[in-house]
């Protein structure tokens, strides 16, 4: 079940918006497809990203996948716990956020999928 309070991309990222900031992670579906995550590469704090721009990568025993930012904004926080313990993405994908972005344009969130819409994509 995809948490209803999150917004989703077709690339299997989620964002949890709180005011002008959003935590970004990957969905349960994505982590299942990847298998055991062994490495996560994330950007530096202060990096500006555009919606849909690659911000890092995630490596599993099966594959390496790019990570794409669901909204435009500046990276204000990086989850170093995930860098040190990448397997947490497999265990708790909806609380294991990767980065926090200060939103440049709140309207971009509206164009993302809700939990039902995302659920339709991953059926």
PDB file of N, CA and C in Angstrom:
ATOM      1  N   UNK A   1       0.844  -1.197   0.000  1.00  0.00           N
ATOM      2  CA  UNK A   1       0.000   0.000   0.000  1.00  0.00           C
ATOM      3  C   UNK A   1       0.882   1.251   0.000  1.00  0.00           C
ATOM      4  N   UNK A   2       0.596   2.166  -0.907  1.00  0.00           N
ATOM      5  CA  UNK A   2       1.354   3.412  -0.998  1.00  0.00           C
ATOM      6  C   UNK A   2       0.727   4.449  -0.068  1.00  0.00           C
ATOM      7  N   UNK A   3       1.523   5.034   0.832  1.00  0.00           N
ATOM      8  CA  UNK A   3       0.963   6.013   1.765  1.00  0.00           C
ATOM      9  C   UNK A   3       0.252   7.158   1.038  1.00  0.00           C
ATOM     10  N   UNK A   4      -0.983   7.466   1.444  1.00  0.00           N
ATOM     11  CA  UNK A   4      -1.784   8.473   0.741  1.00  0.00           C
ATOM     12  C   UNK A   4      -1.271   9.902   0.901  1.00  0.00           C
ATOM     13  N   UNK A   5      -0.455  10.178   1.918  1.00  0.00           N
ATOM     14  CA  UNK A   5       0.023  11.548   2.136  1.00  0.00           C
ATOM     15  C   UNK A   5       1.207  11.917   1.237  1.00  0.00           C
ATOM     16  N   UNK A   6       1.729  10.935   0.504  1.00  0.00           N
ATOM     17  CA  UNK A   6       2.872  11.183  -0.369  1.00  0.00           C
ATOM     18  C   UNK A   6       2.429  11.484  -1.797  1.00  0.00           C
ATOM     19  N   UNK A   7       3.342  12.083  -2.558  1.00  0.00           N
ATOM     20  CA  UNK A   7       3.152  12.313  -3.985  1.00  0.00           C
ATOM     21  C   UNK A   7       4.202  11.471  -4.701  1.00  0.00           C
ATOM     22  N   UNK A   8       3.884  10.969  -5.889  1.00  0.00           N
ATOM     23  CA  UNK A   8       4.718   9.984  -6.570  1.00  0.00           C
ATOM     24  C   UNK A   8       5.053  10.397  -7.996  1.00  0.00           C
ATOM     25  N   UNK A   9       6.184   9.855  -8.497  1.00  0.00           N
ATOM     26  CA  UNK A   9       6.563  10.052  -9.896  1.00  0.00           C
ATOM     27  C   UNK A   9       6.434   8.720 -10.627  1.00  0.00           C
ATOM     28  N   UNK A  10       6.387   8.794 -11.948  1.00  0.00           N
ATOM     29  CA  UNK A  10       6.366   7.576 -12.753  1.00  0.00           C
ATOM     30  C   UNK A  10       7.707   6.845 -12.686  1.00  0.00           C
ATOM     31  N   UNK A  11       8.735   7.539 -12.200  1.00  0.00           N
ATOM     32  CA  UNK A  11      10.070   6.937 -12.045  1.00  0.00           C
ATOM     33  C   UNK A  11      10.243   6.281 -10.676  1.00  0.00           C
ATOM     34  N   UNK A  12       9.165   6.212  -9.881  1.00  0.00           N
ATOM     35  CA  UNK A  12       9.131   5.489  -8.605  1.00  0.00           C
ATOM     36  C   UNK A  12       9.819   6.215  -7.450  1.00  0.00           C
ATOM     37  N   UNK A  13       9.835   7.557  -7.520  1.00  0.00           N
ATOM     38  CA  UNK A  13      10.251   8.332  -6.365  1.00  0.00           C
ATOM     39  C   UNK A  13       8.998   8.861  -5.674  1.00  0.00           C
ATOM     40  N   UNK A  14       9.134   9.156  -4.394  1.00  0.00           N
ATOM     41  CA  UNK A  14       8.047   9.795  -3.657  1.00  0.00           C
ATOM     42  C   UNK A  14       8.575  11.066  -3.016  1.00  0.00           C
ATOM     43  N   UNK A  15       7.640  11.968  -2.680  1.00  0.00           N
ATOM     44  CA  UNK A  15       7.993  13.171  -1.924  1.00  0.00           C
ATOM     45  C   UNK A  15       6.940  13.396  -0.848  1.00  0.00           C
ATOM     46  N   UNK A  16       7.419  13.701   0.349  1.00  0.00           N
ATOM     47  CA  UNK A  16       6.555  14.038   1.490  1.00  0.00           C
ATOM     48  C   UNK A  16       6.742  15.533   1.730  1.00  0.00           C
ATOM     49  N   UNK A  17       5.739  16.340   1.384  1.00  0.00           N
ATOM     50  CA  UNK A  17       5.846  17.788   1.462  1.00  0.00           C
ATOM     51  C   UNK A  17       5.387  18.275   2.830  1.00  0.00           C
ATOM     52  N   UNK A  18       6.210  19.152   3.415  1.00  0.00           N
ATOM     53  CA  UNK A  18       5.881  19.792   4.685  1.00  0.00           C
ATOM     54  C   UNK A  18       6.249  21.264   4.527  1.00  0.00           C
ATOM     55  N   UNK A  19       5.250  22.095   4.276  1.00  0.00           N
ATOM     56  CA  UNK A  19       5.517  23.512   4.025  1.00  0.00           C
ATOM     57  C   UNK A  19       6.237  23.689   2.706  1.00  0.00           C
ATOM     58  N   UNK A  20       7.413  24.306   2.763  1.00  0.00           N
ATOM     59  CA  UNK A  20       8.203  24.545   1.553  1.00  0.00           C
ATOM     60  C   UNK A  20       9.299  23.501   1.343  1.00  0.00           C
ATOM     61  N   UNK A  21       9.301  22.461   2.166  1.00  0.00           N
ATOM     62  CA  UNK A  21      10.325  21.428   2.049  1.00  0.00           C
ATOM     63  C   UNK A  21       9.694  20.072   1.749  1.00  0.00           C
ATOM     64  N   UNK A  22      10.462  19.220   1.094  1.00  0.00           N
ATOM     65  CA  UNK A  22       9.972  17.886   0.786  1.00  0.00           C
ATOM     66  C   UNK A  22      11.061  16.845   0.945  1.00  0.00           C
ATOM     67  N   UNK A  23      10.749  15.789   1.682  1.00  0.00           N
ATOM     68  CA  UNK A  23      11.645  14.632   1.769  1.00  0.00           C
ATOM     69  C   UNK A  23      11.402  13.771   0.537  1.00  0.00           C
ATOM     70  N   UNK A  24      12.484  13.266  -0.069  1.00  0.00           N
ATOM     71  CA  UNK A  24      12.390  12.469  -1.281  1.00  0.00           C
ATOM     72  C   UNK A  24      12.978  11.087  -1.021  1.00  0.00           C
ATOM     73  N   UNK A  25      12.275  10.051  -1.510  1.00  0.00           N
ATOM     74  CA  UNK A  25      12.767   8.685  -1.386  1.00  0.00           C
ATOM     75  C   UNK A  25      12.286   7.852  -2.564  1.00  0.00           C
ATOM     76  N   UNK A  26      12.531   6.545  -2.482  1.00  0.00           N
ATOM     77  CA  UNK A  26      12.026   5.653  -3.533  1.00  0.00           C
ATOM     78  C   UNK A  26      10.910   4.787  -2.959  1.00  0.00           C
ATOM     79  N   UNK A  27      10.045   4.345  -3.842  1.00  0.00           N
ATOM     80  CA  UNK A  27       8.868   3.595  -3.418  1.00  0.00           C
ATOM     81  C   UNK A  27       9.200   2.151  -3.060  1.00  0.00           C
ATOM     82  N   UNK A  28       8.252   1.526  -2.390  1.00  0.00           N
ATOM     83  CA  UNK A  28       8.372   0.116  -2.057  1.00  0.00           C
ATOM     84  C   UNK A  28       8.494  -0.723  -3.334  1.00  0.00           C
ATOM     85  N   UNK A  29       7.723  -0.369  -4.349  1.00  0.00           N
ATOM     86  CA  UNK A  29       7.799  -1.084  -5.626  1.00  0.00           C
ATOM     87  C   UNK A  29       9.222  -1.009  -6.185  1.00  0.00           C
ATOM     88  N   UNK A  30       9.814   0.176  -6.147  1.00  0.00           N
ATOM     89  CA  UNK A  30      11.167   0.364  -6.680  1.00  0.00           C
ATOM     90  C   UNK A  30      12.179  -0.488  -5.928  1.00  0.00           C
ATOM     91  N   UNK A  31      12.107  -0.479  -4.605  1.00  0.00           N
ATOM     92  CA  UNK A  31      13.093  -1.255  -3.848  1.00  0.00           C
ATOM     93  C   UNK A  31      12.908  -2.749  -4.077  1.00  0.00           C
ATOM     94  N   UNK A  32      11.657  -3.188  -4.287  1.00  0.00           N
ATOM     95  CA  UNK A  32      11.424  -4.613  -4.586  1.00  0.00           C
ATOM     96  C   UNK A  32      12.035  -4.999  -5.927  1.00  0.00           C
ATOM     97  N   UNK A  33      11.892  -4.104  -6.919  1.00  0.00           N
ATOM     98  CA  UNK A  33      12.449  -4.370  -8.245  1.00  0.00           C
ATOM     99  C   UNK A  33      13.974  -4.391  -8.214  1.00  0.00           C
ATOM    100  N   UNK A  34      14.551  -3.524  -7.387  1.00  0.00           N
ATOM    101  CA  UNK A  34      16.007  -3.443  -7.294  1.00  0.00           C
ATOM    102  C   UNK A  34      16.608  -4.654  -6.587  1.00  0.00           C
ATOM    103  N   UNK A  35      15.940  -5.122  -5.562  1.00  0.00           N
ATOM    104  CA  UNK A  35      16.539  -6.164  -4.715  1.00  0.00           C
ATOM    105  C   UNK A  35      17.380  -5.501  -3.633  1.00  0.00           C
ATOM    106  N   UNK A  36      18.310  -6.237  -3.073  1.00  0.00           N
ATOM    107  CA  UNK A  36      19.091  -5.740  -1.938  1.00  0.00           C
ATOM    108  C   UNK A  36      19.951  -4.544  -2.326  1.00  0.00           C
ATOM    109  N   UNK A  37      19.641  -3.378  -1.735  1.00  0.00           N
ATOM    110  CA  UNK A  37      20.383  -2.151  -2.011  1.00  0.00           C
ATOM    111  C   UNK A  37      21.716  -2.198  -1.261  1.00  0.00           C
ATOM    112  N   UNK A  38      22.798  -1.916  -1.993  1.00  0.00           N
ATOM    113  CA  UNK A  38      24.141  -1.993  -1.404  1.00  0.00           C
ATOM    114  C   UNK A  38      24.878  -0.660  -1.408  1.00  0.00           C
ATOM    115  N   UNK A  39      24.402   0.323  -2.183  1.00  0.00           N
ATOM    116  CA  UNK A  39      25.104   1.604  -2.274  1.00  0.00           C
ATOM    117  C   UNK A  39      24.136   2.677  -2.744  1.00  0.00           C
ATOM    118  N   UNK A  40      24.242   3.862  -2.146  1.00  0.00           N
ATOM    119  CA  UNK A  40      23.436   5.008  -2.561  1.00  0.00           C
ATOM    120  C   UNK A  40      24.369   6.203  -2.721  1.00  0.00           C
ATOM    121  N   UNK A  41      24.292   6.855  -3.873  1.00  0.00           N
ATOM    122  CA  UNK A  41      25.070   8.068  -4.122  1.00  0.00           C
ATOM    123  C   UNK A  41      24.109   9.246  -4.134  1.00  0.00           C
ATOM    124  N   UNK A  42      24.380  10.253  -3.303  1.00  0.00           N
ATOM    125  CA  UNK A  42      23.493  11.401  -3.158  1.00  0.00           C
ATOM    126  C   UNK A  42      24.264  12.692  -3.386  1.00  0.00           C
ATOM    127  N   UNK A  43      23.563  13.790  -3.716  1.00  0.00           N
ATOM    128  CA  UNK A  43      24.235  15.062  -3.988  1.00  0.00           C
ATOM    129  C   UNK A  43      24.688  15.754  -2.703  1.00  0.00           C
ATOM    130  N   UNK A  44      25.411  16.826  -2.875  1.00  0.00           N
ATOM    131  CA  UNK A  44      25.827  17.671  -1.757  1.00  0.00           C
ATOM    132  C   UNK A  44      24.686  18.621  -1.382  1.00  0.00           C
ATOM    133  N   UNK A  45      24.655  19.039  -0.141  1.00  0.00           N
ATOM    134  CA  UNK A  45      23.726  20.078   0.298  1.00  0.00           C
ATOM    135  C   UNK A  45      24.050  21.346  -0.487  1.00  0.00           C
ATOM    136  N   UNK A  46      23.019  22.067  -0.919  1.00  0.00           N
ATOM    137  CA  UNK A  46      23.211  23.307  -1.655  1.00  0.00           C
ATOM    138  C   UNK A  46      23.048  23.174  -3.157  1.00  0.00           C
ATOM    139  N   UNK A  47      23.008  21.938  -3.649  1.00  0.00           N
ATOM    140  CA  UNK A  47      22.838  21.710  -5.080  1.00  0.00           C
ATOM    141  C   UNK A  47      21.411  22.077  -5.488  1.00  0.00           C
ATOM    142  N   UNK A  48      21.281  22.797  -6.606  1.00  0.00           N
ATOM    143  CA  UNK A  48      19.961  23.126  -7.146  1.00  0.00           C
ATOM    144  C   UNK A  48      19.596  22.105  -8.209  1.00  0.00           C
ATOM    145  N   UNK A  49      18.364  21.625  -8.140  1.00  0.00           N
ATOM    146  CA  UNK A  49      17.878  20.615  -9.079  1.00  0.00           C
ATOM    147  C   UNK A  49      16.630  21.091  -9.781  1.00  0.00           C
ATOM    148  N   UNK A  50      16.452  20.643 -11.016  1.00  0.00           N
ATOM    149  CA  UNK A  50      15.212  20.881 -11.746  1.00  0.00           C
ATOM    150  C   UNK A  50      14.348  19.626 -11.641  1.00  0.00           C
ATOM    151  N   UNK A  51      13.057  19.813 -11.755  1.00  0.00           N
ATOM    152  CA  UNK A  51      12.134  18.676 -11.735  1.00  0.00           C
ATOM    153  C   UNK A  51      12.549  17.685 -12.822  1.00  0.00           C
ATOM    154  N   UNK A  52      12.671  16.413 -12.435  1.00  0.00           N
ATOM    155  CA  UNK A  52      13.039  15.362 -13.375  1.00  0.00           C
ATOM    156  C   UNK A  52      14.539  15.184 -13.556  1.00  0.00           C
ATOM    157  N   UNK A  53      15.346  16.039 -12.933  1.00  0.00           N
ATOM    158  CA  UNK A  53      16.800  15.957 -13.068  1.00  0.00           C
ATOM    159  C   UNK A  53      17.366  14.851 -12.163  1.00  0.00           C
ATOM    160  N   UNK A  54      18.384  14.173 -12.654  1.00  0.00           N
ATOM    161  CA  UNK A  54      19.030  13.134 -11.854  1.00  0.00           C
ATOM    162  C   UNK A  54      19.749  13.774 -10.669  1.00  0.00           C
ATOM    163  N   UNK A  55      19.553  13.202  -9.479  1.00  0.00           N
ATOM    164  CA  UNK A  55      20.236  13.729  -8.301  1.00  0.00           C
ATOM    165  C   UNK A  55      21.170  12.712  -7.651  1.00  0.00           C
ATOM    166  N   UNK A  56      21.173  11.500  -8.135  1.00  0.00           N
ATOM    167  CA  UNK A  56      22.048  10.483  -7.565  1.00  0.00           C
ATOM    168  C   UNK A  56      21.755   9.145  -8.196  1.00  0.00           C
ATOM    169  N   UNK A  57      22.261   8.110  -7.536  1.00  0.00           N
ATOM    170  CA  UNK A  57      22.010   6.752  -8.031  1.00  0.00           C
ATOM    171  C   UNK A  57      21.901   5.801  -6.856  1.00  0.00           C
ATOM    172  N   UNK A  58      21.284   4.667  -7.150  1.00  0.00           N
ATOM    173  CA  UNK A  58      21.103   3.634  -6.137  1.00  0.00           C
ATOM    174  C   UNK A  58      21.519   2.312  -6.773  1.00  0.00           C
ATOM    175  N   UNK A  59      22.343   1.574  -6.044  1.00  0.00           N
ATOM    176  CA  UNK A  59      22.897   0.329  -6.585  1.00  0.00           C
ATOM    177  C   UNK A  59      22.433  -0.841  -5.728  1.00  0.00           C
ATOM    178  N   UNK A  60      22.015  -1.886  -6.425  1.00  0.00           N
ATOM    179  CA  UNK A  60      21.612  -3.106  -5.735  1.00  0.00           C
ATOM    180  C   UNK A  60      22.448  -4.250  -6.278  1.00  0.00           C
ATOM    181  N   UNK A  61      22.190  -5.442  -5.760  1.00  0.00           N
ATOM    182  CA  UNK A  61      22.900  -6.614  -6.263  1.00  0.00           C
ATOM    183  C   UNK A  61      22.522  -6.903  -7.714  1.00  0.00           C
ATOM    184  N   UNK A  62      21.376  -6.380  -8.166  1.00  0.00           N
ATOM    185  CA  UNK A  62      20.886  -6.625  -9.526  1.00  0.00           C
ATOM    186  C   UNK A  62      21.266  -5.543 -10.528  1.00  0.00           C
ATOM    187  N   UNK A  63      21.224  -4.259 -10.096  1.00  0.00           N
ATOM    188  CA  UNK A  63      21.339  -3.170 -11.064  1.00  0.00           C
ATOM    189  C   UNK A  63      21.713  -1.852 -10.392  1.00  0.00           C
ATOM    190  N   UNK A  64      22.061  -0.878 -11.232  1.00  0.00           N
ATOM    191  CA  UNK A  64      22.260   0.499 -10.790  1.00  0.00           C
ATOM    192  C   UNK A  64      21.151   1.320 -11.433  1.00  0.00           C
ATOM    193  N   UNK A  65      20.453   2.129 -10.636  1.00  0.00           N
ATOM    194  CA  UNK A  65      19.369   2.967 -11.154  1.00  0.00           C
ATOM    195  C   UNK A  65      19.621   4.418 -10.792  1.00  0.00           C
ATOM    196  N   UNK A  66      19.260   5.303 -11.712  1.00  0.00           N
ATOM    197  CA  UNK A  66      19.349   6.729 -11.447  1.00  0.00           C
ATOM    198  C   UNK A  66      18.185   7.157 -10.565  1.00  0.00           C
ATOM    199  N   UNK A  67      18.413   8.210  -9.785  1.00  0.00           N
ATOM    200  CA  UNK A  67      17.380   8.810  -8.947  1.00  0.00           C
ATOM    201  C   UNK A  67      17.036  10.169  -9.539  1.00  0.00           C
ATOM    202  N   UNK A  68      15.745  10.463  -9.658  1.00  0.00           N
ATOM    203  CA  UNK A  68      15.295  11.702 -10.284  1.00  0.00           C
ATOM    204  C   UNK A  68      14.484  12.531  -9.290  1.00  0.00           C
ATOM    205  N   UNK A  69      14.734  13.821  -9.272  1.00  0.00           N
ATOM    206  CA  UNK A  69      14.048  14.711  -8.337  1.00  0.00           C
ATOM    207  C   UNK A  69      12.621  14.974  -8.807  1.00  0.00           C
ATOM    208  N   UNK A  70      11.628  14.774  -7.943  1.00  0.00           N
ATOM    209  CA  UNK A  70      10.229  14.973  -8.341  1.00  0.00           C
ATOM    210  C   UNK A  70       9.825  16.434  -8.505  1.00  0.00           C
ATOM    211  N   UNK A  71      10.612  17.348  -7.930  1.00  0.00           N
ATOM    212  CA  UNK A  71      10.314  18.783  -8.001  1.00  0.00           C
ATOM    213  C   UNK A  71      11.618  19.565  -8.160  1.00  0.00           C
ATOM    214  N   UNK A  72      11.482  20.817  -8.549  1.00  0.00           N
ATOM    215  CA  UNK A  72      12.649  21.709  -8.613  1.00  0.00           C
ATOM    216  C   UNK A  72      12.909  22.276  -7.220  1.00  0.00           C
ATOM    217  N   UNK A  73      14.193  22.466  -6.911  1.00  0.00           N
ATOM    218  CA  UNK A  73      14.527  23.071  -5.634  1.00  0.00           C
ATOM    219  C   UNK A  73      15.972  22.860  -5.253  1.00  0.00           C
ATOM    220  N   UNK A  74      16.294  23.317  -4.061  1.00  0.00           N
ATOM    221  CA  UNK A  74      17.653  23.224  -3.537  1.00  0.00           C
ATOM    222  C   UNK A  74      17.723  22.125  -2.478  1.00  0.00           C
ATOM    223  N   UNK A  75      18.760  21.309  -2.563  1.00  0.00           N
ATOM    224  CA  UNK A  75      18.975  20.255  -1.566  1.00  0.00           C
ATOM    225  C   UNK A  75      19.398  20.923  -0.257  1.00  0.00           C
ATOM    226  N   UNK A  76      18.593  20.727   0.788  1.00  0.00           N
ATOM    227  CA  UNK A  76      18.906  21.323   2.087  1.00  0.00           C
ATOM    228  C   UNK A  76      19.410  20.296   3.097  1.00  0.00           C
ATOM    229  N   UNK A  77      19.205  19.022   2.781  1.00  0.00           N
ATOM    230  CA  UNK A  77      19.632  17.964   3.695  1.00  0.00           C
ATOM    231  C   UNK A  77      19.842  16.676   2.906  1.00  0.00           C
ATOM    232  N   UNK A  78      20.841  15.915   3.328  1.00  0.00           N
ATOM    233  CA  UNK A  78      21.125  14.608   2.742  1.00  0.00           C
ATOM    234  C   UNK A  78      21.114  13.596   3.886  1.00  0.00           C
ATOM    235  N   UNK A  79      20.452  12.474   3.680  1.00  0.00           N
ATOM    236  CA  UNK A  79      20.348  11.460   4.730  1.00  0.00           C
ATOM    237  C   UNK A  79      21.606  10.593   4.742  1.00  0.00           C
ATOM    238  N   UNK A  80      22.569  10.987   5.576  1.00  0.00           N
ATOM    239  CA  UNK A  80      23.827  10.248   5.652  1.00  0.00           C
ATOM    240  C   UNK A  80      23.631   8.856   6.259  1.00  0.00           C
ATOM    241  N   UNK A  81      22.546   8.664   7.033  1.00  0.00           N
ATOM    242  CA  UNK A  81      22.262   7.327   7.564  1.00  0.00           C
ATOM    243  C   UNK A  81      22.045   6.325   6.431  1.00  0.00           C
ATOM    244  N   UNK A  82      21.397   6.777   5.347  1.00  0.00           N
ATOM    245  CA  UNK A  82      21.140   5.899   4.198  1.00  0.00           C
ATOM    246  C   UNK A  82      22.436   5.619   3.449  1.00  0.00           C
ATOM    247  N   UNK A  83      23.306   6.605   3.362  1.00  0.00           N
ATOM    248  CA  UNK A  83      24.602   6.394   2.713  1.00  0.00           C
ATOM    249  C   UNK A  83      25.379   5.319   3.476  1.00  0.00           C
ATOM    250  N   UNK A  84      25.329   5.386   4.809  1.00  0.00           N
ATOM    251  CA  UNK A  84      26.058   4.428   5.651  1.00  0.00           C
ATOM    252  C   UNK A  84      25.346   3.090   5.798  1.00  0.00           C
ATOM    253  N   UNK A  85      24.015   3.076   5.667  1.00  0.00           N
ATOM    254  CA  UNK A  85      23.215   1.856   5.796  1.00  0.00           C
ATOM    255  C   UNK A  85      22.197   1.785   4.656  1.00  0.00           C
ATOM    256  N   UNK A  86      22.664   1.577   3.419  1.00  0.00           N
ATOM    257  CA  UNK A  86      21.750   1.607   2.272  1.00  0.00           C
ATOM    258  C   UNK A  86      20.648   0.558   2.330  1.00  0.00           C
ATOM    259  N   UNK A  87      20.854  -0.514   3.073  1.00  0.00           N
ATOM    260  CA  UNK A  87      19.833  -1.563   3.177  1.00  0.00           C
ATOM    261  C   UNK A  87      18.555  -1.068   3.851  1.00  0.00           C
ATOM    262  N   UNK A  88      18.606   0.083   4.520  1.00  0.00           N
ATOM    263  CA  UNK A  88      17.409   0.645   5.144  1.00  0.00           C
ATOM    264  C   UNK A  88      16.344   0.975   4.098  1.00  0.00           C
ATOM    265  N   UNK A  89      16.759   1.273   2.863  1.00  0.00           N
ATOM    266  CA  UNK A  89      15.806   1.545   1.783  1.00  0.00           C
ATOM    267  C   UNK A  89      14.918   0.327   1.554  1.00  0.00           C
ATOM    268  N   UNK A  90      15.481  -0.870   1.686  1.00  0.00           N
ATOM    269  CA  UNK A  90      14.700  -2.099   1.521  1.00  0.00           C
ATOM    270  C   UNK A  90      13.773  -2.341   2.706  1.00  0.00           C
ATOM    271  N   UNK A  91      14.252  -2.041   3.899  1.00  0.00           N
ATOM    272  CA  UNK A  91      13.487  -2.350   5.107  1.00  0.00           C
ATOM    273  C   UNK A  91      12.328  -1.377   5.331  1.00  0.00           C
ATOM    274  N   UNK A  92      12.580  -0.090   5.131  1.00  0.00           N
ATOM    275  CA  UNK A  92      11.563   0.931   5.403  1.00  0.00           C
ATOM    276  C   UNK A  92      11.585   2.003   4.303  1.00  0.00           C
ATOM    277  N   UNK A  93      11.115   1.664   3.105  1.00  0.00           N
ATOM    278  CA  UNK A  93      11.229   2.603   1.984  1.00  0.00           C
ATOM    279  C   UNK A  93      10.479   3.926   2.174  1.00  0.00           C
ATOM    280  N   UNK A  94       9.408   3.937   2.958  1.00  0.00           N
ATOM    281  CA  UNK A  94       8.638   5.168   3.091  1.00  0.00           C
ATOM    282  C   UNK A  94       9.053   6.037   4.270  1.00  0.00           C
ATOM    283  N   UNK A  95      10.016   5.589   5.054  1.00  0.00           N
ATOM    284  CA  UNK A  95      10.606   6.449   6.077  1.00  0.00           C
ATOM    285  C   UNK A  95      12.088   6.667   5.815  1.00  0.00           C
ATOM    286  N   UNK A  96      12.659   5.925   4.900  1.00  0.00           N
ATOM    287  CA  UNK A  96      14.080   6.064   4.556  1.00  0.00           C
ATOM    288  C   UNK A  96      14.244   7.078   3.421  1.00  0.00           C
ATOM    289  N   UNK A  97      14.070   8.348   3.766  1.00  0.00           N
ATOM    290  CA  UNK A  97      14.206   9.416   2.773  1.00  0.00           C
ATOM    291  C   UNK A  97      15.670   9.567   2.388  1.00  0.00           C
ATOM    292  N   UNK A  98      15.890  10.124   1.207  1.00  0.00           N
ATOM    293  CA  UNK A  98      17.241  10.280   0.680  1.00  0.00           C
ATOM    294  C   UNK A  98      17.743  11.716   0.790  1.00  0.00           C
ATOM    295  N   UNK A  99      16.916  12.656   0.340  1.00  0.00           N
ATOM    296  CA  UNK A  99      17.270  14.074   0.410  1.00  0.00           C
ATOM    297  C   UNK A  99      16.050  14.890   0.828  1.00  0.00           C
ATOM    298  N   UNK A 100      16.322  16.123   1.296  1.00  0.00           N
ATOM    299  CA  UNK A 100      15.270  17.102   1.532  1.00  0.00           C
ATOM    300  C   UNK A 100      15.527  18.246   0.566  1.00  0.00           C
ATOM    301  N   UNK A 101      14.453  18.669  -0.113  1.00  0.00           N
ATOM    302  CA  UNK A 101      14.542  19.734  -1.105  1.00  0.00           C
ATOM    303  C   UNK A 101      13.668  20.895  -0.661  1.00  0.00           C
ATOM    304  N   UNK A 102      14.224  22.109  -0.748  1.00  0.00           N
ATOM    305  CA  UNK A 102      13.403  23.314  -0.555  1.00  0.00           C
ATOM    306  C   UNK A 102      12.761  23.607  -1.899  1.00  0.00           C
ATOM    307  N   UNK A 103      11.439  23.516  -1.944  1.00  0.00           N
ATOM    308  CA  UNK A 103      10.708  23.640  -3.202  1.00  0.00           C
ATOM    309  C   UNK A 103      10.865  25.024  -3.829  1.00  0.00           C
ATOM    310  N   UNK A 104      11.198  25.031  -5.119  1.00  0.00           N
ATOM    311  CA  UNK A 104      11.293  26.284  -5.868  1.00  0.00           C
ATOM    312  C   UNK A 104       9.931  26.697  -6.397  1.00  0.00           C
ATOM    313  N   UNK A 105       9.058  25.721  -6.628  1.00  0.00           N
ATOM    314  CA  UNK A 105       7.741  25.992  -7.196  1.00  0.00           C
ATOM    315  C   UNK A 105       6.750  24.981  -6.627  1.00  0.00           C
ATOM    316  N   UNK A 106       5.957  25.430  -5.669  1.00  0.00           N
ATOM    317  CA  UNK A 106       4.998  24.537  -5.011  1.00  0.00           C
ATOM    318  C   UNK A 106       4.005  23.920  -5.988  1.00  0.00           C
ATOM    319  N   UNK A 107       3.720  24.598  -7.097  1.00  0.00           N
ATOM    320  CA  UNK A 107       2.751  24.101  -8.078  1.00  0.00           C
ATOM    321  C   UNK A 107       3.204  22.801  -8.728  1.00  0.00           C
ATOM    322  N   UNK A 108       4.501  22.514  -8.728  1.00  0.00           N
ATOM    323  CA  UNK A 108       4.995  21.276  -9.343  1.00  0.00           C
ATOM    324  C   UNK A 108       4.469  20.034  -8.612  1.00  0.00           C
ATOM    325  N   UNK A 109       4.183  20.162  -7.329  1.00  0.00           N
ATOM    326  CA  UNK A 109       3.691  19.031  -6.545  1.00  0.00           C
ATOM    327  C   UNK A 109       2.337  18.558  -7.077  1.00  0.00           C
ATOM    328  N   UNK A 110       1.519  19.497  -7.518  1.00  0.00           N
ATOM    329  CA  UNK A 110       0.176  19.189  -8.014  1.00  0.00           C
ATOM    330  C   UNK A 110       0.225  18.261  -9.232  1.00  0.00           C
ATOM    331  N   UNK A 111       1.286  18.361 -10.018  1.00  0.00           N
ATOM    332  CA  UNK A 111       1.389  17.550 -11.234  1.00  0.00           C
ATOM    333  C   UNK A 111       1.852  16.117 -10.964  1.00  0.00           C
ATOM    334  N   UNK A 112       2.218  15.827  -9.724  1.00  0.00           N
ATOM    335  CA  UNK A 112       2.658  14.473  -9.377  1.00  0.00           C
ATOM    336  C   UNK A 112       1.462  13.549  -9.151  1.00  0.00           C
ATOM    337  N   UNK A 113       1.721  12.274  -9.120  1.00  0.00           N
ATOM    338  CA  UNK A 113       0.669  11.277  -8.913  1.00  0.00           C
ATOM    339  C   UNK A 113       0.296  11.171  -7.442  1.00  0.00           C
ATOM    340  N   UNK A 114      -0.971  10.876  -7.168  1.00  0.00           N
ATOM    341  CA  UNK A 114      -1.362  10.533  -5.803  1.00  0.00           C
ATOM    342  C   UNK A 114      -1.179   9.024  -5.635  1.00  0.00           C
ATOM    343  N   UNK A 115      -1.470   8.507  -4.453  1.00  0.00           N
ATOM    344  CA  UNK A 115      -1.219   7.077  -4.180  1.00  0.00           C
ATOM    345  C   UNK A 115      -2.044   6.173  -5.088  1.00  0.00           C
ATOM    346  N   UNK A 116      -3.273   6.569  -5.414  1.00  0.00           N
ATOM    347  CA  UNK A 116      -4.123   5.762  -6.291  1.00  0.00           C
ATOM    348  C   UNK A 116      -3.565   5.743  -7.711  1.00  0.00           C
ATOM    349  N   UNK A 117      -3.196   6.926  -8.200  1.00  0.00           N
ATOM    350  CA  UNK A 117      -2.630   7.029  -9.546  1.00  0.00           C
ATOM    351  C   UNK A 117      -1.335   6.244  -9.682  1.00  0.00           C
ATOM    352  N   UNK A 118      -0.498   6.318  -8.655  1.00  0.00           N
ATOM    353  CA  UNK A 118       0.755   5.558  -8.684  1.00  0.00           C
ATOM    354  C   UNK A 118       0.451   4.057  -8.635  1.00  0.00           C
ATOM    355  N   UNK A 119      -0.520   3.673  -7.833  1.00  0.00           N
ATOM    356  CA  UNK A 119      -0.911   2.276  -7.718  1.00  0.00           C
ATOM    357  C   UNK A 119      -1.334   1.691  -9.055  1.00  0.00           C
ATOM    358  N   UNK A 120      -1.974   2.505  -9.884  1.00  0.00           N
ATOM    359  CA  UNK A 120      -2.393   2.061 -11.216  1.00  0.00           C
ATOM    360  C   UNK A 120      -1.183   1.737 -12.104  1.00  0.00           C
ATOM    361  N   UNK A 121      -0.135   2.517 -11.944  1.00  0.00           N
ATOM    362  CA  UNK A 121       1.080   2.334 -12.763  1.00  0.00           C
ATOM    363  C   UNK A 121       1.793   1.036 -12.408  1.00  0.00           C
ATOM    364  N   UNK A 122       1.808   0.684 -11.133  1.00  0.00           N
ATOM    365  CA  UNK A 122       2.614  -0.470 -10.699  1.00  0.00           C
ATOM    366  C   UNK A 122       1.808  -1.752 -10.532  1.00  0.00           C
ATOM    367  N   UNK A 123       0.573  -1.762 -11.020  1.00  0.00           N
ATOM    368  CA  UNK A 123      -0.263  -2.978 -10.938  1.00  0.00           C
ATOM    369  C   UNK A 123       0.417  -4.142 -11.603  1.00  0.00           C
TER     370      UNK A 123
END
